[in-house]
N, C-alpha and C. Protein backbone atom coordinates (compact mmCIF):
# COMPACT_ATOMS: atom_id res chain seq x y z
N UNK A 1 -48.08 -26.87 -29.93
CA UNK A 1 -48.86 -26.06 -30.84
C UNK A 1 -49.41 -24.82 -30.13
N UNK A 2 -49.76 -24.96 -28.83
CA UNK A 2 -50.24 -23.80 -28.07
C UNK A 2 -49.17 -22.72 -27.97
N UNK A 3 -47.93 -23.17 -27.75
CA UNK A 3 -46.83 -22.21 -27.64
C UNK A 3 -46.63 -21.47 -28.96
N UNK A 4 -46.77 -22.19 -30.05
CA UNK A 4 -46.59 -21.58 -31.37
C UNK A 4 -47.69 -20.56 -31.64
N UNK A 5 -48.93 -20.91 -31.29
CA UNK A 5 -50.05 -19.98 -31.49
C UNK A 5 -49.88 -18.76 -30.60
N UNK A 6 -49.46 -18.97 -29.35
CA UNK A 6 -49.24 -17.85 -28.44
C UNK A 6 -48.15 -16.92 -28.97
N UNK A 7 -47.09 -17.49 -29.53
CA UNK A 7 -46.01 -16.68 -30.09
C UNK A 7 -46.52 -15.88 -31.29
N UNK A 8 -47.30 -16.52 -32.16
CA UNK A 8 -47.86 -15.82 -33.32
C UNK A 8 -48.82 -14.71 -32.89
N UNK A 9 -49.57 -14.94 -31.82
CA UNK A 9 -50.49 -13.90 -31.31
C UNK A 9 -49.71 -12.71 -30.76
N UNK A 10 -48.65 -12.98 -30.03
CA UNK A 10 -47.83 -11.90 -29.49
C UNK A 10 -47.19 -11.07 -30.60
N UNK A 11 -46.85 -11.72 -31.69
CA UNK A 11 -46.26 -11.02 -32.83
C UNK A 11 -47.32 -10.32 -33.68
N UNK A 12 -48.59 -10.63 -33.44
CA UNK A 12 -49.66 -9.99 -34.19
C UNK A 12 -49.93 -10.63 -35.54
N UNK A 13 -49.50 -11.87 -35.72
CA UNK A 13 -49.68 -12.55 -37.01
C UNK A 13 -51.00 -13.29 -37.13
N UNK A 14 -51.60 -13.66 -36.00
CA UNK A 14 -52.89 -14.35 -36.02
C UNK A 14 -53.86 -13.65 -35.08
N UNK A 15 -55.14 -13.86 -35.32
CA UNK A 15 -56.17 -13.32 -34.43
C UNK A 15 -57.32 -14.33 -34.35
N UNK A 16 -58.18 -14.15 -33.35
CA UNK A 16 -59.33 -15.05 -33.18
C UNK A 16 -60.43 -14.57 -34.11
N UNK A 17 -60.75 -15.41 -35.10
CA UNK A 17 -61.78 -15.06 -36.07
C UNK A 17 -63.17 -15.27 -35.48
N UNK A 18 -63.36 -16.43 -34.80
CA UNK A 18 -64.66 -16.75 -34.20
C UNK A 18 -64.44 -17.77 -33.10
N UNK A 19 -65.53 -18.18 -32.47
CA UNK A 19 -65.50 -19.19 -31.42
C UNK A 19 -66.40 -20.35 -31.82
N UNK A 20 -65.93 -21.58 -31.59
CA UNK A 20 -66.69 -22.78 -31.92
C UNK A 20 -66.97 -23.55 -30.65
N UNK A 21 -68.17 -24.08 -30.55
CA UNK A 21 -68.56 -24.85 -29.37
C UNK A 21 -67.94 -26.25 -29.46
N UNK A 22 -67.18 -26.64 -28.43
CA UNK A 22 -66.55 -27.96 -28.42
C UNK A 22 -67.31 -28.95 -27.55
N UNK A 23 -68.04 -28.44 -26.55
CA UNK A 23 -68.89 -29.28 -25.72
C UNK A 23 -70.04 -28.41 -25.22
N UNK A 24 -70.79 -28.91 -24.28
CA UNK A 24 -71.95 -28.16 -23.79
C UNK A 24 -71.52 -26.83 -23.16
N UNK A 25 -70.41 -26.84 -22.45
CA UNK A 25 -70.01 -25.64 -21.71
C UNK A 25 -68.71 -25.02 -22.19
N UNK A 26 -67.99 -25.62 -23.15
CA UNK A 26 -66.68 -25.12 -23.54
C UNK A 26 -66.69 -24.54 -24.95
N UNK A 27 -65.89 -23.50 -25.13
CA UNK A 27 -65.72 -22.85 -26.42
C UNK A 27 -64.25 -22.93 -26.82
N UNK A 28 -64.00 -23.06 -28.13
CA UNK A 28 -62.65 -23.13 -28.65
C UNK A 28 -62.47 -22.02 -29.68
N UNK A 29 -61.33 -21.35 -29.63
CA UNK A 29 -61.07 -20.24 -30.54
C UNK A 29 -60.72 -20.77 -31.92
N UNK A 30 -61.21 -20.07 -32.95
CA UNK A 30 -60.86 -20.37 -34.34
C UNK A 30 -59.94 -19.23 -34.78
N UNK A 31 -58.68 -19.57 -35.07
CA UNK A 31 -57.68 -18.56 -35.40
C UNK A 31 -57.64 -18.34 -36.91
N UNK A 32 -57.21 -17.12 -37.29
CA UNK A 32 -57.05 -16.78 -38.70
C UNK A 32 -55.73 -16.03 -38.84
N UNK A 33 -55.02 -16.36 -39.89
CA UNK A 33 -53.74 -15.72 -40.15
C UNK A 33 -53.97 -14.31 -40.67
N UNK A 34 -53.21 -13.36 -40.18
CA UNK A 34 -53.31 -11.99 -40.64
C UNK A 34 -53.68 -11.04 -39.52
N UNK A 35 -53.67 -9.77 -39.85
CA UNK A 35 -53.98 -8.74 -38.87
C UNK A 35 -55.50 -8.61 -38.76
N UNK A 36 -55.97 -8.49 -37.54
CA UNK A 36 -57.41 -8.35 -37.32
C UNK A 36 -57.72 -8.19 -35.85
N UNK A 37 -58.99 -8.00 -35.56
CA UNK A 37 -59.45 -7.82 -34.19
C UNK A 37 -60.02 -9.15 -33.69
N UNK A 38 -59.68 -9.51 -32.45
CA UNK A 38 -60.20 -10.76 -31.87
C UNK A 38 -61.71 -10.68 -31.70
N UNK A 39 -62.38 -11.78 -32.02
CA UNK A 39 -63.84 -11.87 -31.81
C UNK A 39 -64.11 -12.03 -30.32
N UNK A 40 -65.23 -11.49 -29.87
CA UNK A 40 -65.62 -11.60 -28.46
C UNK A 40 -66.03 -13.03 -28.15
N UNK A 41 -65.61 -13.50 -26.98
CA UNK A 41 -65.99 -14.84 -26.53
C UNK A 41 -67.45 -14.80 -26.07
N UNK A 42 -68.27 -15.78 -26.48
CA UNK A 42 -69.67 -15.80 -26.05
C UNK A 42 -69.81 -15.90 -24.54
N UNK A 43 -70.86 -15.29 -24.03
CA UNK A 43 -71.14 -15.34 -22.60
C UNK A 43 -71.51 -16.76 -22.18
N UNK A 44 -71.14 -17.18 -20.97
CA UNK A 44 -71.53 -18.52 -20.51
C UNK A 44 -73.04 -18.60 -20.31
N UNK A 45 -73.60 -19.76 -20.59
CA UNK A 45 -75.04 -19.98 -20.45
C UNK A 45 -75.26 -20.82 -19.19
N UNK A 46 -76.16 -20.39 -18.34
CA UNK A 46 -76.39 -21.11 -17.09
C UNK A 46 -77.11 -22.43 -17.37
N UNK A 47 -76.98 -23.36 -16.45
CA UNK A 47 -77.59 -24.67 -16.63
C UNK A 47 -79.11 -24.57 -16.63
N UNK A 48 -79.66 -23.64 -15.85
CA UNK A 48 -81.12 -23.50 -15.81
C UNK A 48 -81.66 -22.98 -17.14
N UNK A 49 -80.93 -22.06 -17.78
CA UNK A 49 -81.41 -21.57 -19.08
C UNK A 49 -81.25 -22.63 -20.16
N UNK A 50 -80.19 -23.47 -20.07
CA UNK A 50 -80.04 -24.59 -21.02
C UNK A 50 -81.19 -25.56 -20.86
N UNK A 51 -81.56 -25.85 -19.61
CA UNK A 51 -82.66 -26.77 -19.34
C UNK A 51 -83.98 -26.19 -19.83
N UNK A 52 -84.19 -24.90 -19.61
CA UNK A 52 -85.40 -24.23 -20.08
C UNK A 52 -85.51 -24.31 -21.61
N UNK A 53 -84.40 -24.10 -22.30
CA UNK A 53 -84.38 -24.16 -23.76
C UNK A 53 -84.69 -25.59 -24.24
N UNK A 54 -84.09 -26.58 -23.57
CA UNK A 54 -84.31 -27.97 -23.93
C UNK A 54 -85.78 -28.36 -23.73
N UNK A 55 -86.36 -27.94 -22.60
CA UNK A 55 -87.75 -28.29 -22.31
C UNK A 55 -88.74 -27.58 -23.21
N UNK A 56 -88.38 -26.42 -23.73
CA UNK A 56 -89.29 -25.71 -24.64
C UNK A 56 -89.43 -26.44 -25.97
N UNK A 57 -88.44 -27.28 -26.30
CA UNK A 57 -88.47 -28.03 -27.56
C UNK A 57 -89.18 -29.38 -27.46
N UNK A 58 -89.43 -29.88 -26.23
CA UNK A 58 -90.02 -31.21 -26.10
C UNK A 58 -91.51 -31.19 -26.42
N UNK A 59 -92.01 -32.31 -26.98
CA UNK A 59 -93.42 -32.40 -27.34
C UNK A 59 -94.27 -32.77 -26.12
N UNK A 60 -95.59 -32.80 -26.30
CA UNK A 60 -96.51 -33.02 -25.18
C UNK A 60 -96.33 -34.39 -24.55
N UNK A 61 -96.12 -35.43 -25.36
CA UNK A 61 -95.95 -36.79 -24.81
C UNK A 61 -94.69 -36.89 -23.95
N UNK A 62 -93.61 -36.33 -24.44
CA UNK A 62 -92.35 -36.38 -23.69
C UNK A 62 -92.49 -35.62 -22.37
N UNK A 63 -93.15 -34.47 -22.42
CA UNK A 63 -93.34 -33.68 -21.22
C UNK A 63 -94.18 -34.43 -20.20
N UNK A 64 -95.25 -35.07 -20.66
CA UNK A 64 -96.12 -35.83 -19.76
C UNK A 64 -95.37 -37.01 -19.13
N UNK A 65 -94.53 -37.69 -19.92
CA UNK A 65 -93.74 -38.81 -19.40
C UNK A 65 -92.76 -38.33 -18.33
N UNK A 66 -92.11 -37.18 -18.58
CA UNK A 66 -91.17 -36.62 -17.61
C UNK A 66 -91.88 -36.23 -16.32
N UNK A 67 -93.04 -35.59 -16.43
CA UNK A 67 -93.78 -35.19 -15.24
C UNK A 67 -94.29 -36.39 -14.46
N UNK A 68 -94.70 -37.46 -15.17
CA UNK A 68 -95.15 -38.67 -14.49
C UNK A 68 -94.01 -39.31 -13.70
N UNK A 69 -92.80 -39.31 -14.27
CA UNK A 69 -91.63 -39.83 -13.55
C UNK A 69 -91.36 -39.03 -12.29
N UNK A 70 -91.47 -37.71 -12.40
CA UNK A 70 -91.24 -36.86 -11.23
C UNK A 70 -92.28 -37.11 -10.15
N UNK A 71 -93.54 -37.31 -10.55
CA UNK A 71 -94.59 -37.62 -9.56
C UNK A 71 -94.33 -38.95 -8.88
N UNK A 72 -93.84 -39.94 -9.62
CA UNK A 72 -93.55 -41.25 -9.04
C UNK A 72 -92.44 -41.17 -7.99
N UNK A 73 -91.45 -40.30 -8.22
CA UNK A 73 -90.35 -40.17 -7.27
C UNK A 73 -90.82 -39.59 -5.94
N UNK A 74 -91.84 -38.74 -5.98
CA UNK A 74 -92.35 -38.12 -4.75
C UNK A 74 -93.32 -39.01 -3.99
N UNK A 75 -93.80 -40.05 -4.64
CA UNK A 75 -94.83 -40.91 -4.05
C UNK A 75 -94.24 -41.77 -2.93
N UNK A 76 -94.91 -41.78 -1.80
CA UNK A 76 -94.47 -42.57 -0.65
C UNK A 76 -95.18 -43.91 -0.67
N UNK A 77 -94.44 -45.00 -0.63
CA UNK A 77 -95.02 -46.34 -0.65
C UNK A 77 -95.43 -46.71 0.77
N UNK A 78 -96.70 -47.09 0.92
CA UNK A 78 -97.23 -47.45 2.25
C UNK A 78 -96.94 -48.92 2.54
N UNK A 79 -96.60 -49.19 3.77
CA UNK A 79 -96.32 -50.57 4.19
C UNK A 79 -97.63 -51.29 4.46
N UNK A 80 -97.71 -52.52 3.98
CA UNK A 80 -98.90 -53.34 4.19
C UNK A 80 -98.98 -53.70 5.68
N UNK A 81 -100.12 -53.41 6.34
CA UNK A 81 -100.21 -53.69 7.78
C UNK A 81 -100.14 -55.17 8.11
N UNK A 82 -100.66 -56.06 7.27
CA UNK A 82 -100.61 -57.50 7.53
C UNK A 82 -99.16 -58.01 7.47
N UNK A 83 -98.39 -57.55 6.49
CA UNK A 83 -96.98 -57.93 6.40
C UNK A 83 -96.22 -57.39 7.60
N UNK A 84 -96.54 -56.18 8.02
CA UNK A 84 -95.87 -55.59 9.18
C UNK A 84 -96.20 -56.39 10.44
N UNK A 85 -97.40 -56.93 10.53
CA UNK A 85 -97.78 -57.72 11.71
C UNK A 85 -96.99 -59.02 11.77
N UNK A 86 -96.75 -59.65 10.62
CA UNK A 86 -95.99 -60.91 10.60
C UNK A 86 -94.49 -60.70 10.79
N UNK A 87 -93.93 -59.70 10.10
CA UNK A 87 -92.47 -59.56 10.08
C UNK A 87 -91.97 -58.41 10.93
N UNK A 88 -92.81 -57.61 11.51
CA UNK A 88 -92.39 -56.51 12.38
C UNK A 88 -92.12 -55.23 11.60
N UNK A 89 -91.97 -54.17 12.35
CA UNK A 89 -91.67 -52.87 11.75
C UNK A 89 -90.20 -52.78 11.38
N UNK A 90 -89.90 -51.89 10.50
CA UNK A 90 -88.53 -51.71 10.05
C UNK A 90 -87.78 -50.80 10.98
C-alpha cells in the first residue's frame, strides 16, 4: 500500500490533507485524492514540554503525592547502631 500511495503522490493524484497523531511521538499522514498542497507536518514536541503540560493539568492532591514520593526517594535510611553492633557493618 505504501508503494501505491508513493506512486499516486509522484503522479500528483493524492496529497497530504492533514496529520493525525498515532502515538505520543509519531504522526501519520492523512491523504486525500485530488490536486492540492501538502499540509505541513507538526513540529516535534520535547519530552520536557510534554511533562510540563501534563503537570499543569494535575490537581493539588496528585501533585502533593508525586512530590512526597520524590522526597522519599532522596531520603537516606540510617542503620540502627544496636543492630550494627550485633551483626557488623555492611
